[in-house]
Amino acid sequence: MKKFATSLVEFLKEEDGPTAVEYAVMLALIVVVCLAAVGTIGTNAKGKFEEVGTAIGN
């Protein structure tokens, strides 16, 4: 356990830690944007499919 704590402290002292956090934040933002885009595209596609289905039914 002491070895883990020591390695954790060394990791936090290094400059790679903040860089990893920045990359994690950027990744989270990219995921949010992708989910919003997929949701919008899905809604638009659903509307178009319903429009086509109605046109075929008539």
N, C-alpha and C. Protein backbone atom coordinates (compact mmCIF):
# COMPACT_ATOMS: atom_id res chain seq x y z
N MET A 1 0.84 -1.20 0.00
CA MET A 1 0.00 0.00 0.00
C MET A 1 0.87 1.25 0.00
N LYS A 2 1.99 1.17 0.72
CA LYS A 2 2.90 2.31 0.78
C LYS A 2 3.49 2.59 -0.60
N LYS A 3 3.78 1.53 -1.32
CA LYS A 3 4.34 1.69 -2.67
C LYS A 3 3.33 2.39 -3.58
N PHE A 4 2.04 2.03 -3.45
CA PHE A 4 0.99 2.67 -4.25
C PHE A 4 0.89 4.15 -3.91
N ALA A 5 0.92 4.47 -2.63
CA ALA A 5 0.82 5.87 -2.20
C ALA A 5 2.02 6.67 -2.71
N THR A 6 3.19 6.08 -2.65
CA THR A 6 4.39 6.75 -3.14
C THR A 6 4.30 7.00 -4.64
N SER A 7 3.85 6.01 -5.38
CA SER A 7 3.73 6.19 -6.83
C SER A 7 2.65 7.21 -7.17
N LEU A 8 1.60 7.27 -6.38
CA LEU A 8 0.55 8.26 -6.60
C LEU A 8 1.07 9.67 -6.37
N VAL A 9 1.84 9.86 -5.31
CA VAL A 9 2.42 11.17 -5.02
C VAL A 9 3.38 11.58 -6.12
N GLU A 10 4.19 10.65 -6.60
CA GLU A 10 5.13 10.96 -7.69
C GLU A 10 4.38 11.32 -8.96
N PHE A 11 3.27 10.62 -9.23
CA PHE A 11 2.47 10.93 -10.42
C PHE A 11 1.90 12.33 -10.33
N LEU A 12 1.42 12.72 -9.15
CA LEU A 12 0.84 14.05 -8.99
C LEU A 12 1.89 15.14 -9.08
N LYS A 13 3.12 14.83 -8.73
CA LYS A 13 4.20 15.82 -8.82
C LYS A 13 4.65 16.03 -10.25
N GLU A 14 4.52 15.00 -11.09
CA GLU A 14 4.93 15.12 -12.48
C GLU A 14 3.98 16.03 -13.24
N GLU A 15 4.44 16.53 -14.35
CA GLU A 15 3.60 17.42 -15.17
C GLU A 15 2.69 16.63 -16.10
N ASP A 16 2.86 15.33 -16.16
CA ASP A 16 2.00 14.51 -17.01
C ASP A 16 0.59 14.42 -16.43
N GLY A 17 0.44 14.56 -15.12
CA GLY A 17 -0.86 14.47 -14.48
C GLY A 17 -1.83 15.51 -14.99
N PRO A 18 -1.48 16.80 -14.92
CA PRO A 18 -2.39 17.83 -15.45
C PRO A 18 -2.68 17.66 -16.94
N THR A 19 -1.70 17.19 -17.69
CA THR A 19 -1.91 16.97 -19.11
C THR A 19 -2.95 15.88 -19.32
N ALA A 20 -2.86 14.83 -18.53
CA ALA A 20 -3.84 13.74 -18.64
C ALA A 20 -5.24 14.25 -18.29
N VAL A 21 -5.33 15.11 -17.30
CA VAL A 21 -6.63 15.67 -16.91
C VAL A 21 -7.18 16.53 -18.04
N GLU A 22 -6.33 17.32 -18.67
CA GLU A 22 -6.77 18.15 -19.79
C GLU A 22 -7.29 17.29 -20.93
N TYR A 23 -6.59 16.21 -21.23
CA TYR A 23 -7.05 15.31 -22.28
C TYR A 23 -8.37 14.66 -21.91
N ALA A 24 -8.56 14.31 -20.65
CA ALA A 24 -9.81 13.70 -20.20
C ALA A 24 -10.96 14.69 -20.35
N VAL A 25 -10.72 15.96 -20.02
CA VAL A 25 -11.76 16.98 -20.17
C VAL A 25 -12.11 17.18 -21.64
N MET A 26 -11.09 17.24 -22.49
CA MET A 26 -11.34 17.39 -23.92
C MET A 26 -12.13 16.19 -24.46
N LEU A 27 -11.77 14.99 -24.02
CA LEU A 27 -12.47 13.80 -24.46
C LEU A 27 -13.93 13.83 -24.02
N ALA A 28 -14.16 14.27 -22.80
CA ALA A 28 -15.54 14.36 -22.30
C ALA A 28 -16.34 15.36 -23.13
N LEU A 29 -15.75 16.48 -23.47
CA LEU A 29 -16.45 17.47 -24.30
C LEU A 29 -16.74 16.93 -25.69
N ILE A 30 -15.79 16.21 -26.25
CA ILE A 30 -16.00 15.61 -27.58
C ILE A 30 -17.15 14.60 -27.52
N VAL A 31 -17.19 13.80 -26.46
CA VAL A 31 -18.26 12.81 -26.31
C VAL A 31 -19.62 13.50 -26.21
N VAL A 32 -19.68 14.59 -25.45
CA VAL A 32 -20.95 15.33 -25.30
C VAL A 32 -21.40 15.88 -26.65
N VAL A 33 -20.48 16.44 -27.41
CA VAL A 33 -20.82 16.99 -28.73
C VAL A 33 -21.29 15.87 -29.66
N CYS A 34 -20.60 14.74 -29.63
CA CYS A 34 -21.00 13.61 -30.48
C CYS A 34 -22.39 13.10 -30.11
N LEU A 35 -22.68 13.00 -28.83
CA LEU A 35 -23.99 12.54 -28.41
C LEU A 35 -25.08 13.51 -28.83
N ALA A 36 -24.80 14.80 -28.72
CA ALA A 36 -25.79 15.80 -29.15
C ALA A 36 -26.01 15.70 -30.66
N ALA A 37 -24.94 15.52 -31.41
CA ALA A 37 -25.07 15.41 -32.86
C ALA A 37 -25.86 14.17 -33.26
N VAL A 38 -25.57 13.05 -32.61
CA VAL A 38 -26.27 11.81 -32.92
C VAL A 38 -27.76 11.95 -32.56
N GLY A 39 -28.04 12.60 -31.45
CA GLY A 39 -29.44 12.81 -31.06
C GLY A 39 -30.18 13.66 -32.07
N THR A 40 -29.54 14.72 -32.54
CA THR A 40 -30.17 15.60 -33.53
C THR A 40 -30.38 14.88 -34.85
N ILE A 41 -29.36 14.15 -35.28
CA ILE A 41 -29.48 13.41 -36.54
C ILE A 41 -30.57 12.35 -36.43
N GLY A 42 -30.63 11.69 -35.27
CA GLY A 42 -31.66 10.67 -35.06
C GLY A 42 -33.06 11.25 -35.12
N THR A 43 -33.24 12.41 -34.51
CA THR A 43 -34.55 13.07 -34.54
C THR A 43 -34.93 13.47 -35.96
N ASN A 44 -33.98 14.03 -36.68
CA ASN A 44 -34.24 14.42 -38.07
C ASN A 44 -34.54 13.20 -38.95
N ALA A 45 -33.78 12.13 -38.74
CA ALA A 45 -33.99 10.92 -39.52
C ALA A 45 -35.37 10.32 -39.22
N LYS A 46 -35.76 10.33 -37.96
CA LYS A 46 -37.07 9.79 -37.58
C LYS A 46 -38.18 10.58 -38.28
N GLY A 47 -38.06 11.90 -38.29
CA GLY A 47 -39.05 12.73 -38.96
C GLY A 47 -39.13 12.44 -40.45
N LYS A 48 -37.98 12.27 -41.07
CA LYS A 48 -37.94 11.99 -42.51
C LYS A 48 -38.54 10.62 -42.81
N PHE A 49 -38.22 9.61 -41.99
CA PHE A 49 -38.79 8.28 -42.20
C PHE A 49 -40.31 8.31 -42.05
N GLU A 50 -40.80 9.06 -41.05
CA GLU A 50 -42.25 9.16 -40.89
C GLU A 50 -42.88 9.86 -42.08
N GLU A 51 -42.22 10.87 -42.59
CA GLU A 51 -42.73 11.60 -43.77
C GLU A 51 -42.81 10.68 -44.97
N VAL A 52 -41.75 9.91 -45.19
CA VAL A 52 -41.72 8.97 -46.32
C VAL A 52 -42.77 7.88 -46.13
N GLY A 53 -42.90 7.38 -44.89
CA GLY A 53 -43.88 6.33 -44.63
C GLY A 53 -45.29 6.82 -44.87
N THR A 54 -45.56 8.06 -44.49
CA THR A 54 -46.88 8.63 -44.74
C THR A 54 -47.13 8.80 -46.22
N ALA A 55 -46.11 9.25 -46.96
CA ALA A 55 -46.25 9.45 -48.41
C ALA A 55 -46.48 8.12 -49.11
N ILE A 56 -45.82 7.08 -48.67
CA ILE A 56 -46.00 5.76 -49.29
C ILE A 56 -47.39 5.22 -48.96
N GLY A 57 -47.85 5.44 -47.72
CA GLY A 57 -49.16 4.95 -47.30
C GLY A 57 -50.31 5.59 -48.04
N ASN A 58 -50.11 6.80 -48.53
CA ASN A 58 -51.20 7.49 -49.24
C ASN A 58 -51.12 7.12 -50.66
